[in-house]
Protein backbone atom coordinates (compact mmCIF):
# COMPACT_ATOMS: atom_id res chain seq x y z
CA MET A 1 20.90 56.87 -40.95
CA ALA A 2 23.36 54.31 -41.78
CA PRO A 3 22.76 52.26 -44.93
CA SER A 4 21.84 48.78 -44.61
CA THR A 5 24.97 47.45 -46.07
CA LEU A 6 27.88 49.08 -47.91
CA THR A 7 27.94 46.61 -50.79
CA ALA A 8 26.01 49.05 -53.08
CA LEU A 9 28.16 52.05 -52.05
CA ALA A 10 31.30 50.46 -52.49
CA GLY A 11 30.48 50.33 -56.51
CA GLU A 12 29.83 54.19 -56.55
CA LYS A 13 32.36 56.81 -57.98
CA THR A 14 31.97 59.36 -55.20
CA LEU A 15 31.80 58.97 -51.40
CA GLN A 16 28.30 59.84 -49.83
CA SER A 17 28.35 62.97 -47.77
CA SER A 18 27.58 61.13 -44.59
CA PHE A 19 30.85 59.30 -44.77
CA VAL A 20 33.02 62.44 -45.71
CA ARG A 21 35.31 63.47 -42.57
CA ASP A 22 36.51 67.06 -41.82
CA GLU A 23 40.01 67.66 -43.09
CA ASP A 24 41.64 67.45 -39.75
CA GLU A 25 40.16 63.85 -39.48
CA ARG A 26 41.34 62.40 -42.81
CA PRO A 27 43.99 59.94 -43.41
CA LYS A 28 47.51 61.56 -43.46
CA VAL A 29 49.51 58.37 -44.32
CA ALA A 30 48.59 55.76 -46.89
CA TYR A 31 47.15 52.39 -45.85
CA ASN A 32 50.25 50.54 -47.39
CA GLN A 33 52.97 52.90 -46.37
CA PHE A 34 54.17 50.55 -43.45
CA SER A 35 56.22 51.24 -40.67
CA ASN A 36 58.54 48.82 -38.65
CA GLU A 37 58.36 50.91 -35.69
CA ILE A 38 56.03 48.56 -33.91
CA PRO A 39 57.89 45.60 -32.34
CA ILE A 40 57.35 42.09 -33.46
CA ILE A 41 57.72 39.63 -30.48
CA SER A 42 57.93 35.85 -30.62
CA LEU A 43 56.24 34.22 -27.61
CA ALA A 44 58.24 31.08 -27.97
CA GLY A 45 59.75 30.26 -24.63
CA LEU A 46 57.32 32.68 -22.73
CA ASP A 47 56.32 29.37 -20.48
CA GLU A 48 59.85 28.45 -19.76
CA ILE A 49 61.07 29.65 -16.38
CA ASP A 50 64.44 30.88 -17.70
CA GLY A 51 66.12 33.64 -19.31
CA ARG A 52 64.07 33.32 -22.42
CA ARG A 53 60.92 34.18 -20.63
CA ALA A 54 62.65 37.13 -18.85
CA GLU A 55 63.68 38.36 -22.23
CA ILE A 56 60.32 38.14 -23.88
CA CYS A 57 58.75 39.80 -20.95
CA LYS A 58 61.21 42.84 -21.15
CA LYS A 59 60.32 43.21 -24.84
CA ILE A 60 56.47 43.26 -24.00
CA VAL A 61 56.82 45.56 -21.16
CA GLU A 62 59.01 48.09 -23.29
CA ALA A 63 56.50 48.10 -25.87
CA CYS A 64 53.60 48.80 -23.58
CA GLU A 65 55.65 51.98 -22.21
CA ASP A 66 56.68 53.01 -25.61
CA TRP A 67 53.64 52.75 -27.96
CA GLY A 68 51.08 50.58 -25.99
CA VAL A 69 51.02 48.18 -29.03
CA PHE A 70 53.02 45.23 -30.35
CA GLN A 71 52.55 42.17 -32.45
CA VAL A 72 53.04 38.53 -31.16
CA VAL A 73 54.09 35.56 -33.29
CA ASP A 74 54.50 31.96 -32.14
CA HIS A 75 51.46 32.67 -29.87
CA GLY A 76 50.11 29.14 -29.83
CA VAL A 77 46.75 29.76 -31.56
CA ASP A 78 46.45 27.13 -34.16
CA THR A 79 46.89 28.57 -37.92
CA ASN A 80 44.16 26.25 -39.19
CA LEU A 81 41.81 28.09 -36.71
CA ILE A 82 43.04 31.60 -37.81
CA THR A 83 42.44 30.46 -41.48
CA ASP A 84 38.97 29.13 -40.91
CA MET A 85 37.99 32.38 -39.01
CA THR A 86 39.16 34.57 -41.77
CA ARG A 87 37.72 32.54 -44.57
CA LEU A 88 34.45 32.08 -42.76
CA ALA A 89 34.13 35.91 -42.03
CA ARG A 90 34.93 36.82 -45.69
CA GLU A 91 32.26 34.47 -46.69
CA PHE A 92 29.56 36.13 -44.29
CA PHE A 93 30.39 39.57 -45.80
CA ALA A 94 29.91 38.29 -49.30
CA LEU A 95 26.43 37.16 -48.55
CA PRO A 96 23.48 38.95 -49.97
CA PRO A 97 22.44 41.93 -47.87
CA GLU A 98 19.17 40.21 -46.64
CA GLU A 99 20.99 37.40 -45.35
CA LYS A 100 23.40 39.60 -43.41
CA LEU A 101 20.48 41.87 -42.17
CA ARG A 102 18.72 38.77 -40.53
CA PHE A 103 21.13 39.55 -37.66
CA ASP A 104 20.88 43.22 -37.62
CA MET A 105 21.85 44.45 -34.28
CA SER A 106 20.50 48.08 -34.49
CA GLY A 107 17.94 49.20 -31.69
CA GLY A 108 20.25 47.84 -28.97
CA LYS A 109 20.26 44.16 -29.93
CA LYS A 110 23.09 42.25 -28.14
CA GLY A 111 25.48 41.15 -31.08
CA GLY A 112 24.98 40.72 -34.76
CA PHE A 113 25.71 42.71 -38.02
CA ILE A 114 25.60 46.45 -38.35
CA VAL A 115 26.92 49.15 -40.65
CA SER A 116 29.52 51.86 -39.27
CA SER A 117 28.29 51.70 -35.60
CA HIS A 118 28.95 55.36 -35.01
CA LEU A 119 28.03 57.17 -31.97
CA GLN A 120 24.84 58.88 -31.49
CA GLY A 121 25.39 62.49 -32.33
CA GLU A 122 28.13 62.06 -34.78
CA ALA A 123 27.32 63.33 -38.23
CA VAL A 124 30.00 61.10 -40.09
CA GLN A 125 29.74 57.36 -40.26
CA ASP A 126 32.68 55.02 -40.28
CA TRP A 127 33.40 53.02 -43.84
CA ARG A 128 32.84 49.68 -42.52
CA GLU A 129 30.44 46.80 -41.78
CA ILE A 130 30.89 44.63 -38.65
CA VAL A 131 29.72 41.53 -36.84
CA THR A 132 29.90 41.63 -33.02
CA TYR A 133 29.97 38.42 -30.79
CA PHE A 134 29.46 39.00 -27.12
CA SER A 135 31.45 35.80 -26.12
CA TYR A 136 32.28 35.97 -22.39
CA PRO A 137 31.18 35.37 -19.89
CA VAL A 138 30.17 32.11 -21.53
CA ARG A 139 26.88 32.05 -19.45
CA SER A 140 25.81 35.22 -21.35
CA ARG A 141 26.30 34.05 -24.76
CA ASP A 142 23.17 34.37 -26.87
CA TYR A 143 23.82 32.12 -29.80
CA SER A 144 20.67 33.24 -31.70
CA ARG A 145 22.59 36.40 -32.36
CA TRP A 146 25.44 34.58 -33.97
CA PRO A 147 25.17 34.28 -37.64
CA ASP A 148 24.32 30.68 -38.67
CA LYS A 149 25.81 31.29 -42.14
CA PRO A 150 28.40 30.35 -43.49
CA GLU A 151 28.21 26.76 -42.00
CA GLY A 152 30.75 26.20 -39.33
CA TRP A 153 31.25 29.99 -38.26
CA ARG A 154 29.74 29.61 -34.97
CA GLU A 155 31.84 26.64 -33.93
CA ALA A 156 34.94 28.31 -35.24
CA THR A 157 34.11 31.53 -33.50
CA GLN A 158 33.54 29.63 -30.04
CA GLN A 159 37.08 27.88 -30.48
CA TYR A 160 38.59 31.16 -31.48
CA SER A 161 37.05 33.06 -28.54
CA ASP A 162 38.35 30.39 -26.08
CA LYS A 163 41.83 30.45 -27.45
CA LEU A 164 41.99 34.34 -27.52
CA MET A 165 40.91 34.49 -23.72
CA GLY A 166 43.73 32.27 -22.76
CA LEU A 167 46.26 34.33 -24.84
CA ALA A 168 45.09 37.43 -23.38
CA CYS A 169 45.41 36.25 -19.82
CA LYS A 170 48.89 35.01 -20.41
CA LEU A 171 49.98 38.46 -21.65
CA LEU A 172 48.38 40.16 -18.73
CA GLU A 173 50.10 37.98 -16.28
CA VAL A 174 53.49 39.34 -17.89
CA LEU A 175 52.36 43.00 -17.25
CA SER A 176 51.12 42.08 -13.81
CA GLU A 177 54.59 40.74 -12.88
CA ALA A 178 56.31 43.76 -14.35
CA MET A 179 54.24 45.82 -11.94
CA GLY A 180 55.50 43.64 -8.90
CA LEU A 181 52.24 42.03 -8.46
CA GLU A 182 50.92 38.48 -8.50
CA LYS A 183 50.63 37.21 -11.86
CA GLU A 184 46.89 36.93 -11.68
CA ALA A 185 46.64 40.39 -10.48
CA LEU A 186 45.35 42.21 -13.59
CA THR A 187 43.06 39.50 -14.50
CA ASN A 188 41.58 39.56 -11.23
CA ALA A 189 40.99 43.32 -11.50
CA CYS A 190 38.56 42.45 -14.18
CA VAL A 191 36.45 40.47 -11.65
CA ASP A 192 34.71 38.45 -14.41
CA MET A 193 36.32 39.02 -17.58
CA ASP A 194 34.01 40.09 -20.51
CA GLN A 195 35.12 39.24 -24.22
CA LYS A 196 33.75 40.83 -27.28
CA VAL A 197 34.91 39.50 -30.77
CA VAL A 198 34.27 42.30 -33.37
CA VAL A 199 34.74 41.21 -37.19
CA ASN A 200 35.49 44.37 -39.29
CA TYR A 201 34.90 44.22 -43.08
CA TYR A 202 36.21 47.57 -44.96
CA PRO A 203 35.06 47.26 -48.61
CA LYS A 204 36.73 49.22 -51.46
CA CYS A 205 36.12 52.72 -51.03
CA PRO A 206 35.59 55.25 -53.97
CA GLN A 207 37.27 58.23 -52.24
CA PRO A 208 39.38 56.66 -49.30
CA ASP A 209 41.28 59.91 -48.71
CA LEU A 210 37.88 61.56 -47.37
CA THR A 211 37.05 58.97 -44.76
CA LEU A 212 38.05 56.54 -42.34
CA GLY A 213 37.20 52.76 -41.82
CA LEU A 214 37.25 53.40 -37.99
CA LYS A 215 37.87 56.86 -36.52
CA ARG A 216 40.47 57.63 -33.98
CA HIS A 217 40.08 56.41 -30.49
CA THR A 218 41.50 54.42 -27.73
CA ASP A 219 39.86 51.01 -26.64
CA PRO A 220 38.06 51.29 -23.17
CA GLY A 221 38.93 48.09 -21.97
CA THR A 222 42.02 45.98 -20.58
CA ILE A 223 43.85 44.58 -23.67
CA THR A 224 42.66 43.97 -27.37
CA LEU A 225 43.93 41.24 -29.67
CA LEU A 226 43.70 42.01 -33.41
CA LEU A 227 44.07 39.63 -36.48
CA GLN A 228 44.27 41.48 -39.63
CA ASP A 229 44.71 40.35 -43.21
CA GLN A 230 47.75 41.51 -45.54
CA VAL A 231 46.13 44.57 -47.19
CA GLY A 232 46.95 47.11 -44.42
CA GLY A 233 45.12 50.02 -42.85
CA LEU A 234 45.55 49.95 -38.89
CA GLN A 235 47.43 53.01 -37.90
CA ALA A 236 48.84 54.30 -34.62
CA THR A 237 49.97 57.70 -33.26
CA ARG A 238 51.74 58.61 -30.02
CA ASP A 239 51.92 62.24 -30.22
CA GLY A 240 48.44 63.19 -30.12
CA GLY A 241 47.70 62.63 -33.96
CA LYS A 242 50.43 64.71 -35.29
CA ASN A 243 52.41 61.72 -36.91
CA TRP A 244 50.70 58.42 -37.85
CA ILE A 245 52.21 55.17 -38.75
CA THR A 246 50.61 52.24 -40.53
CA VAL A 247 51.33 48.96 -38.85
CA GLN A 248 53.08 46.29 -40.93
CA PRO A 249 50.81 43.33 -41.52
CA VAL A 250 52.55 39.94 -40.51
CA GLU A 251 50.95 36.71 -41.47
CA GLY A 252 49.21 34.97 -38.43
CA ALA A 253 50.37 37.56 -36.13
CA PHE A 254 48.20 39.22 -33.42
CA VAL A 255 48.44 42.99 -32.89
CA VAL A 256 48.05 43.60 -29.14
CA ASN A 257 47.03 46.96 -27.62
CA LEU A 258 46.17 48.16 -24.24
CA GLY A 259 43.10 50.07 -23.47
CA ASP A 260 42.07 52.55 -20.96
CA HIS A 261 41.41 50.05 -18.16
CA GLY A 262 44.89 48.66 -18.72
CA HIS A 263 46.41 52.10 -18.86
CA TYR A 264 44.78 53.10 -15.50
CA LEU A 265 45.40 49.99 -13.58
CA SER A 266 49.25 50.34 -14.33
CA ASN A 267 48.88 54.17 -13.15
CA GLY A 268 49.59 55.36 -16.71
CA ARG A 269 52.78 53.38 -17.00
CA PHE A 270 51.39 51.27 -19.95
CA LYS A 271 50.02 53.24 -22.80
CA ASN A 272 46.36 53.06 -24.04
CA ALA A 273 47.17 52.82 -27.85
CA ASP A 274 45.61 55.89 -29.96
CA HIS A 275 44.71 54.18 -33.17
CA GLN A 276 42.39 54.32 -36.26
CA ALA A 277 41.71 52.42 -39.51
CA VAL A 278 42.13 53.62 -42.90
CA VAL A 279 40.50 52.24 -46.12
CA ASN A 280 41.66 52.22 -49.83
CA SER A 281 40.13 51.95 -53.45
CA ASN A 282 41.85 48.78 -54.56
CA SER A 283 40.87 45.98 -52.10
CA SER A 284 38.64 45.27 -49.21
CA ARG A 285 40.12 44.49 -45.63
CA LEU A 286 39.18 42.16 -42.94
CA SER A 287 40.18 42.31 -39.31
CA ILE A 288 39.00 40.50 -36.18
CA ALA A 289 39.42 42.42 -33.00
CA THR A 290 38.95 40.49 -29.62
CA PHE A 291 38.49 42.97 -26.74
CA GLN A 292 38.94 41.66 -23.22
CA ASN A 293 37.26 44.01 -20.79
CA PRO A 294 36.59 44.11 -17.15
CA ALA A 295 32.98 43.44 -15.79
CA PRO A 296 30.82 46.40 -15.45
CA GLU A 297 31.24 46.43 -11.66
CA ALA A 298 34.93 46.00 -11.56
CA VAL A 299 36.91 48.89 -9.79
CA VAL A 300 38.97 51.16 -12.21
CA TYR A 301 42.03 52.43 -10.03
CA PRO A 302 45.78 51.90 -10.08
CA LEU A 303 46.71 48.72 -8.56
CA LYS A 304 50.18 50.00 -7.75
CA ILE A 305 51.66 53.63 -7.58
CA ARG A 306 55.33 53.72 -7.53
CA GLU A 307 57.18 56.06 -5.20
CA GLY A 308 57.13 59.63 -6.43
CA GLU A 309 54.22 59.05 -8.49
CA LYS A 310 50.67 60.60 -8.31
CA ALA A 311 47.64 58.49 -8.97
CA VAL A 312 46.10 59.17 -12.61
CA LEU A 313 42.59 58.84 -11.33
CA GLU A 314 41.17 60.87 -8.51
CA GLN A 315 39.20 58.36 -6.90
CA PRO A 316 38.08 54.65 -7.73
CA ILE A 317 35.22 54.21 -10.13
CA THR A 318 33.36 51.23 -11.70
CA PHE A 319 34.23 50.36 -15.18
CA ALA A 320 30.66 50.95 -16.10
CA GLU A 321 30.95 54.53 -14.88
CA MET A 322 34.30 54.89 -16.83
CA TYR A 323 32.77 53.81 -20.00
CA ARG A 324 29.60 55.92 -19.70
CA SER A 325 32.01 58.96 -19.08
CA LYS A 326 34.15 58.18 -22.07
CA MET A 327 31.16 57.81 -24.29
CA SER A 328 29.45 60.90 -22.89
CA LYS A 329 32.64 62.86 -23.71
CA ASP A 330 32.86 61.42 -27.20
CA ILE A 331 29.26 62.26 -27.92
CA GLU A 332 29.59 65.90 -26.69
CA LEU A 333 32.80 66.34 -28.66
CA ALA A 334 30.98 65.08 -31.87
CA LYS A 335 27.95 67.33 -31.13
CA LEU A 336 30.23 70.51 -30.60
CA LYS A 337 32.24 69.69 -33.70
CA LYS A 338 29.02 69.36 -35.81
CA LEU A 339 27.67 72.58 -34.36
CA ALA A 340 30.93 74.33 -35.18
CA LYS A 341 30.85 72.98 -38.76
CA GLU A 342 27.28 74.04 -39.32
CA GLN A 343 28.36 77.67 -37.85
CA LYS A 344 31.22 77.85 -40.16
CA ASN A 345 28.91 76.88 -43.29
CA GLN A 346 26.50 79.74 -42.12
CA ASP A 347 29.17 82.08 -41.79
CA LEU A 348 30.59 81.51 -45.26
CA GLU A 349 26.86 81.77 -46.56
CA ASN A 350 26.50 85.09 -44.68
CA ALA A 351 29.81 86.45 -46.13
CA LYS A 352 28.72 85.50 -49.88
CA LEU A 353 25.50 87.16 -49.19
CA GLY A 354 27.18 90.27 -47.81
CA ALA A 355 29.56 90.56 -50.90
CA LYS A 356 26.53 90.59 -53.37
CA PRO A 357 25.23 94.06 -54.50
CA ILE A 358 21.97 94.93 -52.73
CA GLU A 359 20.11 94.52 -56.18
CA GLU A 360 21.00 90.92 -56.46
CA ILE A 361 19.78 90.19 -52.83
CA LEU A 362 16.43 91.94 -53.46
CA ALA A 363 15.83 90.52 -56.89
């Protein structure tokens, strides 16, 4: 079971075993060992129908083909709104546990507060607390699941959600045009675009080298926009986890990454970013991820297959089917890993037993 909050655990000297990851999953690169490999792209001039737009679009497309992740500045989202969202989020996570737990989302509730949010069947938890807002479609918002403290956070989140929806759609237009399609093609493929805002809080960790704030994964949806503070901890890989880089925090920037849905719609041309979050013992970290996802009934299949290419999917499926399949595979993999770990421990115990003299075993 996940603890009610991480507040108490953050002050301990050793990490609870439920957070300790196997050696092959532990961080390989420090949270503050920053890389400049992820491009930072200014969107100033994106709406101009001239050479500046073409140049910006070229940079975005190249980033999606290379890493599947990039950062945007001059994006048009008001800096005061960004500052308010960050400040109010930190104030929420500083509340007493009983205040946060009024919005406990365990048991299948649609939005609210939870610790770790690890998959069923997984033995290891993520070192984070989160608040989740299901923000689009607007008609589906359940404001009773949106925390009412600190004052003003609901209103700020509502504004933030709307602005990020607009920015995401603008970026999808660029990718649609790059594929030779109508600019609304990727957005229309989502049918009725879903949005989820997830506020991640990573407290100080007593032994950060043994755990992760968020395990390695690709996002299932279309496109994700992440606002992060200046601490650092977002990491990406493009070689299957052999080498990792830590994304350089940029004040006021959004880290943009494509998810599985965007990857499939482009027939694999645009990469689904493989990433994770690491933690540290010096300071807490905050990030706000806004996930733009297709409706459950949206069809997942390449919108365009270039000459000489094969479809990356055998047949069209719905996003709900794709998501269930992805989660099932993750859960099954976690179960197999858990069983293998238990078997290894049993083998070690048997080996120790076998090395003992018969007199000690029978004593």
